[in-house]
């Protein structure tokens, strides 16, 4: 059983690392709903707001 627990823990760690790396690559975000975007959009694909702004740093 310990093997499956270790495997599950490693998979979860890798998933979190991938999500963090993905978030760091986002270049824009919606000022209304905070959705991270990977390209400049005229409006947020999640909430439809026109408040898409470039992320700093």
N, C-alpha and C. Protein backbone atom coordinates (compact mmCIF):
# COMPACT_ATOMS: atom_id res chain seq x y z
N UNK A 1 0.82 -1.19 0.00
CA UNK A 1 0.00 0.00 0.00
C UNK A 1 0.87 1.26 0.00
N UNK A 2 2.01 1.17 0.65
CA UNK A 2 2.91 2.32 0.71
C UNK A 2 3.36 2.75 -0.67
N UNK A 3 3.55 1.81 -1.58
CA UNK A 3 3.96 2.14 -2.95
C UNK A 3 2.92 3.03 -3.62
N UNK A 4 1.64 2.71 -3.45
CA UNK A 4 0.58 3.51 -4.05
C UNK A 4 0.47 4.89 -3.41
N UNK A 5 0.70 4.96 -2.11
CA UNK A 5 0.69 6.26 -1.42
C UNK A 5 1.82 7.14 -1.93
N UNK A 6 3.01 6.55 -2.08
CA UNK A 6 4.16 7.29 -2.58
C UNK A 6 3.91 7.76 -4.01
N UNK A 7 3.37 6.88 -4.83
CA UNK A 7 3.08 7.23 -6.22
C UNK A 7 2.05 8.36 -6.29
N UNK A 8 1.02 8.26 -5.50
CA UNK A 8 -0.01 9.31 -5.46
C UNK A 8 0.56 10.64 -5.02
N UNK A 9 1.42 10.63 -4.05
CA UNK A 9 2.05 11.85 -3.55
C UNK A 9 2.92 12.47 -4.63
N UNK A 10 3.69 11.65 -5.33
CA UNK A 10 4.58 12.15 -6.40
C UNK A 10 3.76 12.74 -7.55
N UNK A 11 2.67 12.10 -7.91
CA UNK A 11 1.80 12.61 -8.98
C UNK A 11 1.22 13.96 -8.58
N UNK A 12 0.78 14.10 -7.35
CA UNK A 12 0.21 15.37 -6.88
C UNK A 12 1.27 16.47 -6.88
N UNK A 13 2.48 16.16 -6.45
CA UNK A 13 3.57 17.14 -6.46
C UNK A 13 3.86 17.61 -7.88
N UNK A 14 3.91 16.68 -8.82
CA UNK A 14 4.19 17.03 -10.21
C UNK A 14 3.06 17.88 -10.78
N UNK A 15 1.83 17.56 -10.45
CA UNK A 15 0.68 18.33 -10.92
C UNK A 15 0.77 19.77 -10.43
N UNK A 16 1.12 19.96 -9.16
CA UNK A 16 1.24 21.30 -8.60
C UNK A 16 2.38 22.08 -9.25
N UNK A 17 3.50 21.42 -9.55
CA UNK A 17 4.62 22.08 -10.21
C UNK A 17 4.23 22.53 -11.62
N UNK A 18 3.49 21.71 -12.33
CA UNK A 18 3.04 22.06 -13.69
C UNK A 18 2.09 23.24 -13.63
N UNK A 19 1.17 23.26 -12.70
CA UNK A 19 0.21 24.36 -12.57
C UNK A 19 0.94 25.66 -12.24
N UNK A 20 1.92 25.61 -11.36
CA UNK A 20 2.69 26.79 -11.00
C UNK A 20 3.46 27.33 -12.21
N UNK A 21 4.11 26.45 -12.94
CA UNK A 21 4.86 26.86 -14.14
C UNK A 21 3.92 27.46 -15.17
N UNK A 22 2.75 26.88 -15.33
CA UNK A 22 1.78 27.38 -16.29
C UNK A 22 1.31 28.78 -15.90
N UNK A 23 1.02 29.00 -14.62
CA UNK A 23 0.58 30.31 -14.14
C UNK A 23 1.66 31.37 -14.37
N UNK A 24 2.91 30.98 -14.22
CA UNK A 24 4.02 31.93 -14.40
C UNK A 24 4.17 32.36 -15.85
N UNK A 25 3.69 31.55 -16.79
CA UNK A 25 3.81 31.86 -18.22
C UNK A 25 2.70 32.78 -18.72
N UNK A 26 1.66 32.97 -17.95
CA UNK A 26 0.55 33.82 -18.38
C UNK A 26 1.03 35.26 -18.56
N UNK A 27 0.64 35.88 -19.67
CA UNK A 27 1.09 37.24 -19.98
C UNK A 27 0.04 38.30 -19.66
N UNK A 28 -1.22 37.89 -19.53
CA UNK A 28 -2.32 38.81 -19.27
C UNK A 28 -3.25 38.21 -18.24
N UNK A 29 -4.11 39.05 -17.66
CA UNK A 29 -5.12 38.57 -16.73
C UNK A 29 -6.34 39.47 -16.83
N UNK A 30 -7.46 38.92 -16.43
CA UNK A 30 -8.71 39.69 -16.39
C UNK A 30 -8.77 40.42 -15.06
N UNK A 31 -8.97 41.72 -15.11
CA UNK A 31 -9.05 42.52 -13.89
C UNK A 31 -10.34 42.24 -13.11
N UNK A 32 -11.34 41.70 -13.79
CA UNK A 32 -12.62 41.42 -13.14
C UNK A 32 -12.63 40.07 -12.41
N UNK A 33 -12.28 39.00 -13.13
CA UNK A 33 -12.40 37.66 -12.54
C UNK A 33 -11.05 37.00 -12.25
N UNK A 34 -9.95 37.71 -12.54
CA UNK A 34 -8.59 37.23 -12.25
C UNK A 34 -8.16 36.01 -13.07
N UNK A 35 -8.87 35.70 -14.16
CA UNK A 35 -8.47 34.59 -15.03
C UNK A 35 -7.14 34.93 -15.67
N UNK A 36 -6.21 33.97 -15.65
CA UNK A 36 -4.92 34.16 -16.30
C UNK A 36 -5.05 33.81 -17.78
N UNK A 37 -4.43 34.63 -18.63
CA UNK A 37 -4.51 34.45 -20.08
C UNK A 37 -3.11 34.38 -20.66
N UNK A 38 -2.96 33.67 -21.74
CA UNK A 38 -1.65 33.45 -22.34
C UNK A 38 -1.46 34.24 -23.63
N UNK A 39 -2.41 35.10 -23.94
CA UNK A 39 -2.32 36.00 -25.09
C UNK A 39 -3.24 37.19 -24.80
N UNK A 40 -3.01 38.27 -25.49
CA UNK A 40 -3.84 39.46 -25.33
C UNK A 40 -5.19 39.20 -25.98
N UNK A 41 -6.25 39.39 -25.25
CA UNK A 41 -7.62 39.21 -25.75
C UNK A 41 -8.35 40.53 -25.64
N UNK A 42 -9.27 40.77 -26.51
CA UNK A 42 -10.10 41.97 -26.43
C UNK A 42 -11.06 41.91 -25.26
N UNK A 43 -11.45 40.68 -24.91
CA UNK A 43 -12.31 40.48 -23.75
C UNK A 43 -11.98 39.14 -23.12
N UNK A 44 -12.31 39.00 -21.86
CA UNK A 44 -12.03 37.78 -21.12
C UNK A 44 -12.91 36.64 -21.63
N UNK A 45 -12.31 35.51 -21.97
CA UNK A 45 -13.12 34.38 -22.44
C UNK A 45 -13.98 33.75 -21.34
N UNK A 46 -13.66 34.03 -20.08
CA UNK A 46 -14.42 33.45 -18.97
C UNK A 46 -15.64 34.29 -18.61
N UNK A 47 -15.43 35.61 -18.44
CA UNK A 47 -16.55 36.44 -17.94
C UNK A 47 -17.02 37.49 -18.95
N UNK A 48 -16.28 37.67 -20.06
CA UNK A 48 -16.71 38.62 -21.08
C UNK A 48 -16.30 40.06 -20.81
N UNK A 49 -15.59 40.30 -19.74
CA UNK A 49 -15.17 41.66 -19.40
C UNK A 49 -14.12 42.16 -20.39
N UNK A 50 -14.13 43.46 -20.65
CA UNK A 50 -13.12 44.07 -21.52
C UNK A 50 -11.90 44.51 -20.71
N UNK A 51 -11.84 44.14 -19.46
CA UNK A 51 -10.76 44.56 -18.55
C UNK A 51 -9.59 43.57 -18.54
N UNK A 52 -9.06 43.26 -19.71
CA UNK A 52 -7.89 42.38 -19.81
C UNK A 52 -6.66 43.27 -19.78
N UNK A 53 -5.75 42.98 -18.85
CA UNK A 53 -4.56 43.81 -18.68
C UNK A 53 -3.31 42.91 -18.73
N UNK A 54 -2.19 43.54 -19.14
CA UNK A 54 -0.91 42.82 -19.17
C UNK A 54 -0.44 42.61 -17.73
N UNK A 55 0.14 41.45 -17.50
CA UNK A 55 0.71 41.16 -16.17
C UNK A 55 2.09 41.79 -16.10
N UNK A 56 2.44 42.28 -14.95
CA UNK A 56 3.77 42.85 -14.78
C UNK A 56 4.73 41.78 -14.26
N UNK A 57 5.95 41.83 -14.77
CA UNK A 57 7.02 40.96 -14.31
C UNK A 57 6.69 39.55 -14.40
